[in-house]
Amino acid sequence: MTPAPVTSPPAGVVLPNLRLALFETAFAVALVTVYFLAPASQTALHRVAIVGTAGLFFGIVLTSTYRYEIRGAQLVATEMHRTRQTVDLTRLASVTAPDRREPFWSRALLGRLRWLELRDEQSHVLRLNFYGATGGRRQRLLAALEPYVMAEGVSRTGLVAEALSGELW
């Protein structure tokens, strides 16, 4: 059964937030500056600067290596700067979300359950990972996906409605 067509395509929404990557870069530069300007006797400050810079570098890599974009009725994903994957939102067959809410420790430390899996009738599968996406952009992407995901004929597994409202993240 083909899902009901959505009358108006959503405006183009892009994840992740480039401003987050730029903020992480600026903060990493500030920590490197602290490392070089701090007196040699401040070993604790040097360690904090090293660990903070390493963590921020890891965050920069994670937030800058994926991109999700809605173009018309296509959801286009580019992860780790590899080839693009697409899902036709007008021919969406199923949507899977996590079966439970994220515990605070997982959300804060690991981000393990931050995903939404979309599968179209041509068996294209796209797993959206929301790590590093700020709330505003994530909400705009979820709002743009909602008419397609909640269309008649699309099977939903897990807490899809909660995921679309942002309650899971």
Protein backbone atom coordinates (compact mmCIF):
# COMPACT_ATOMS: atom_id res chain seq x y z
CA MET A 1 0.00 0.00 0.00
CA THR A 2 1.47 3.33 -1.06
CA PRO A 3 1.48 6.08 1.59
CA ALA A 4 -0.72 9.10 1.08
CA PRO A 5 1.18 11.83 -0.75
CA VAL A 6 2.24 14.87 1.20
CA THR A 7 0.88 18.01 -0.42
CA SER A 8 3.71 20.44 0.21
CA PRO A 9 7.37 19.49 0.35
CA PRO A 10 9.20 20.75 3.43
CA ALA A 11 11.77 23.46 3.22
CA GLY A 12 15.36 22.23 2.98
CA VAL A 13 16.70 21.33 6.41
CA VAL A 14 20.34 20.46 6.97
CA LEU A 15 22.00 18.73 9.93
CA PRO A 16 24.41 19.10 11.68
CA ASN A 17 24.84 22.61 12.91
CA LEU A 18 27.99 24.16 11.47
CA ARG A 19 28.01 26.70 14.28
CA LEU A 20 28.55 23.87 16.78
CA ALA A 21 31.67 22.69 14.94
CA LEU A 22 32.96 26.28 14.77
CA PHE A 23 32.34 26.76 18.50
CA GLU A 24 34.20 23.53 19.26
CA THR A 25 37.10 24.68 17.09
CA ALA A 26 37.29 28.07 18.83
CA PHE A 27 37.17 26.44 22.26
CA ALA A 28 39.93 23.98 21.26
CA VAL A 29 42.10 26.88 20.08
CA ALA A 30 41.50 28.62 23.42
CA LEU A 31 42.57 25.48 25.31
CA VAL A 32 45.74 25.16 23.22
CA THR A 33 46.49 28.81 24.01
CA VAL A 34 45.98 28.13 27.73
CA TYR A 35 48.35 25.17 27.48
CA PHE A 36 51.14 27.29 26.02
CA LEU A 37 50.59 30.36 28.20
CA ALA A 38 50.15 28.59 31.55
CA PRO A 39 53.24 28.42 33.77
CA ALA A 40 55.13 25.13 33.76
CA SER A 41 54.25 24.58 37.42
CA GLN A 42 50.53 24.30 36.56
CA THR A 43 50.56 20.64 35.50
CA ALA A 44 46.88 20.15 36.36
CA LEU A 45 45.94 23.02 34.05
CA HIS A 46 48.11 21.53 31.30
CA ARG A 47 46.39 18.16 31.67
CA VAL A 48 42.94 19.73 31.55
CA ALA A 49 43.92 21.63 28.41
CA ILE A 50 45.27 18.46 26.74
CA VAL A 51 42.25 16.32 27.62
CA GLY A 52 39.81 19.09 26.69
CA THR A 53 41.50 19.68 23.35
CA ALA A 54 41.50 15.96 22.55
CA GLY A 55 37.82 15.69 23.46
CA LEU A 56 36.91 18.71 21.39
CA PHE A 57 38.89 17.39 18.43
CA PHE A 58 36.92 14.14 18.65
CA GLY A 59 33.69 16.16 18.80
CA ILE A 60 34.70 18.22 15.77
CA VAL A 61 35.37 15.05 13.78
CA LEU A 62 31.99 13.58 14.76
CA THR A 63 29.95 16.70 14.04
CA SER A 64 31.63 17.52 10.75
CA THR A 65 31.57 14.08 9.12
CA TYR A 66 27.86 13.68 8.62
CA ARG A 67 25.19 15.69 6.87
CA TYR A 68 21.47 15.06 6.49
CA GLU A 69 19.51 17.17 4.06
CA ILE A 70 15.95 17.15 2.78
CA ARG A 71 15.82 17.99 -0.92
CA GLY A 72 12.27 18.03 -2.18
CA ALA A 73 10.92 14.60 -1.28
CA GLN A 74 14.35 12.98 -0.84
CA LEU A 75 16.27 12.63 2.39
CA VAL A 76 19.96 12.66 1.50
CA ALA A 77 22.60 11.47 3.98
CA THR A 78 26.34 11.82 3.68
CA GLU A 79 28.26 10.14 6.49
CA MET A 80 32.00 10.13 7.03
CA HIS A 81 32.40 11.99 3.70
CA ARG A 82 31.49 8.84 1.80
CA THR A 83 28.92 8.30 -0.91
CA ARG A 84 25.46 9.64 -0.42
CA GLN A 85 22.49 7.55 0.60
CA THR A 86 18.94 8.58 -0.14
CA VAL A 87 15.45 7.60 0.92
CA ASP A 88 12.39 8.60 -1.06
CA LEU A 89 10.09 10.12 1.55
CA THR A 90 7.01 9.82 -0.68
CA ARG A 91 7.53 6.05 -0.88
CA LEU A 92 8.36 5.51 2.79
CA ALA A 93 7.50 1.97 3.95
CA SER A 94 8.60 1.82 7.60
CA VAL A 95 10.11 3.90 10.37
CA THR A 96 11.87 2.50 13.44
CA ALA A 97 12.75 4.44 16.58
CA PRO A 98 14.26 3.28 19.89
CA ASP A 99 11.91 1.21 22.07
CA ARG A 100 12.69 3.23 25.18
CA ARG A 101 13.78 6.68 26.23
CA GLU A 102 17.47 7.42 26.58
CA PRO A 103 18.76 7.24 30.13
CA PHE A 104 20.51 10.42 31.23
CA TRP A 105 23.95 8.76 31.47
CA SER A 106 23.65 7.33 27.95
CA ARG A 107 22.40 10.59 26.49
CA ALA A 108 25.12 12.61 28.21
CA LEU A 109 28.04 10.25 27.61
CA LEU A 110 27.36 7.92 24.73
CA GLY A 111 24.45 9.12 22.62
CA ARG A 112 23.77 5.48 21.76
CA LEU A 113 20.05 5.63 21.08
CA ARG A 114 19.95 8.84 19.06
CA TRP A 115 18.74 7.37 15.82
CA LEU A 116 15.72 7.03 13.60
CA GLU A 117 15.68 4.43 10.85
CA LEU A 118 13.75 5.09 7.62
CA ARG A 119 13.10 2.43 4.96
CA ASP A 120 11.42 3.09 1.62
CA GLU A 121 9.63 0.74 -0.77
CA GLN A 122 12.82 0.26 -2.82
CA SER A 123 14.57 -1.18 0.29
CA HIS A 124 16.77 1.87 0.79
CA VAL A 125 17.56 2.19 4.49
CA LEU A 126 18.78 5.34 6.19
CA ARG A 127 19.63 5.53 9.87
CA LEU A 128 19.60 9.10 11.12
CA ASN A 129 22.01 9.75 13.97
CA PHE A 130 21.39 12.94 15.90
CA TYR A 131 24.73 13.20 17.67
CA GLY A 132 26.00 16.75 17.72
CA ALA A 133 22.82 18.26 16.34
CA THR A 134 21.44 21.14 18.34
CA GLY A 135 17.83 21.01 19.46
CA GLY A 136 16.55 23.62 17.03
CA ARG A 137 17.89 22.05 13.87
CA ARG A 138 17.00 18.54 15.01
CA GLN A 139 13.42 19.72 15.70
CA ARG A 140 13.16 21.35 12.25
CA LEU A 141 14.34 18.14 10.57
CA LEU A 142 11.92 16.03 12.62
CA ALA A 143 9.08 18.45 11.87
CA ALA A 144 9.86 18.24 8.15
CA LEU A 145 9.87 14.43 8.33
CA GLU A 146 6.66 14.17 10.36
CA PRO A 147 4.12 14.37 7.49
CA TYR A 148 5.92 11.57 5.66
CA VAL A 149 6.50 9.39 8.73
CA MET A 150 2.94 9.73 10.03
CA ALA A 151 1.35 9.21 6.58
CA GLU A 152 -1.15 6.44 6.15
CA GLY A 153 0.45 3.16 5.10
CA VAL A 154 3.81 3.73 6.81
CA SER A 155 4.51 1.11 9.48
CA ARG A 156 6.03 2.49 12.66
CA THR A 157 8.01 0.56 15.28
CA GLY A 158 9.16 1.92 18.62
CA LEU A 159 8.49 5.35 20.08
CA VAL A 160 8.18 7.12 16.73
CA ALA A 161 5.69 9.78 17.87
CA GLU A 162 7.89 10.62 20.86
CA ALA A 163 10.94 10.73 18.61
CA LEU A 164 9.27 13.17 16.22
CA SER A 165 8.21 15.43 19.09
CA GLY A 166 11.79 15.43 20.43
CA GLU A 167 10.91 13.72 23.72
CA LEU A 168 13.42 10.91 23.19
CA TRP A 169 16.31 13.31 22.79
